[in-house]
Amino acid sequence: RMLKVGVLLTAVLSASATATDPRDFAADLNLPGFHFVPYPFDWQNDPNGPLYDPVHDKYHLFYQYQTPRLWGHAVSDDLVNWVQMPVALNNDEWYDKGGVFSGSGTVLDDEEKSVILTISSSDNTEIFVAIPKDRSDPYLTEWVLPDSNPIYTTNARDPTEIMKTSDGRYRIADGTSDGTEMWECDGCSTADDIISGGRWKKIGMYMPKLDGQGYWECPDTFPLVEDPNTWVSKFSMNGDRYYLGTYNETTGEFTPNDVEDRMYDSNSAFYASKTFLDTRDDPRRVLWGWLISGKPEGSEWTGLQSLPRVLSKSADGKSISMAPLPELASLRSADKVSTYTNLSPPGDGSAKELDFTGRMFDVEATLSSSPGAACGLRVLWDGADEFTDVTFPSGAVSVRVLVDSSVVEVFSDGSATTTIGRVTKKESVKLGVVGDEGCVFEALTAWEMSPYKFDASNVM
């Protein structure tokens, strides 16, 4: 159903909108090609309810869309290429008139693999749910709000996915001004029980906030795949922050290992993230995040989704490591790839230009530098004064840089940093290396990236 997109950058950048793909990368130099941007172009922010549907073998991504907020919806076979769906949730009821705010998606382990979206109201009061109108529809196109909504009221927002305890109890966590609270469905054993009103009871705090912290938005609570005894308490406050620790299933309480929180991404513009457990093959925890960005001049869109990232426990067990989704490599060009060895920047703040050009590309590099010597890349460069510099953490050995027009994501030995740039010149396609004296790129490979295949015919 999806349009094939040309491989070479020259073809991509000269391509205009088609009958099924409305993107025009020549007209909008800042429009990303492999970061998800919905159509019709408009405002988007938090990722909501990402999930894998094992019944139809498809991935779903919902997101905050337009103003007042609605839930946009896209479907994928591989988390790389996307089909744009119509809006999933409109503000049609008394409890969502101000906007359909953030939440999560759950696939239950019942026989039907029931799908339930958990959602919050704009006034941080009502928590409500949505279910597919037709579970047999592979794209889960239409959604309904049960008459039992809201399922509970509280001074909170951004409910998590529905968690099931080892003895069969169902729970939801949500974000408050005091931290992350926990609710439980009293005597619930079926999907119908879960979506019925009046059965949800607050059982306490999953984790109270620490002194001096603000409102905990967009909480996420889950065990690590490779170590189910280690749980995560994530919240959004000046960036996306998390603790590792232990979870007492009896009380519903989380105990952190450390008093200092850590960040998913060193840039606080990575925000309101949401994970889901991908069970298609070997289980993995996949993360989406909102990349906060203003509306580029001349563009019709504002905000974008990060690349999907795979989370794992770090080698020392003290933090989370993340890497870009492996399937993204399918967008690499087999025809335009350049490899370099033993590269050293001038060391005076200028860049050494390479003979690779592109506005959408993927770089993998191995560094072998003197202690304390900074290394980085100059991307989206016109050869003069328009460029974006990315600097790697001190001591970095293995780095991955994905450049996608106005957004750059850097992965370095398990850490992540996002940079939002701007492109005003079509000549801003040069690549160079920058850094201090003693910085050495032992090996560097750059691949041109194709945009993902995008079928927006449902809304065109």
Foldseek 3Di string as FASTA:
>chain_A
DFDDFDQDQVRQQCDAQDLFRHDHCVLALQDFFFFDAAPPFAEWFAWAAWDADPVLQKTKIWTFTDPVTFIWIWIGNALGFIEGAHTAGDQDDPQAVRHWAHEYWAQDPDPLSWIKTWTHHPQQWFIFIKGQPDSVPSRSRYIDGDPQPRQGTDNFGHKYYWDADPVGWTKIWTWHQFGIWMKTFAPDRDPVSVRHHDRIDTLTGQDTDDPPFGTFHQWYWAAFLVGNQWIKTWTQGLAIKIFIFGADPVRNYTDGPDPDIDHQAPHRQFGNKGWYWDVPDRTWIKIKTKRADQAAVSDRHGITIDAIWTWHAAPVRGDIFIDGDPVQCVQFDPVDKDKDFWDDAPQPFDWDWDPDWDQWKKKKFFKDFDQPKKKWKWALALPPPFTDIDIDDGPFGIKMWTGTSQKIWIHTSRHIYIDGHHHDDPSSTIMTMDIHPRITGRMMMMTGGGRHTYGHSNPD
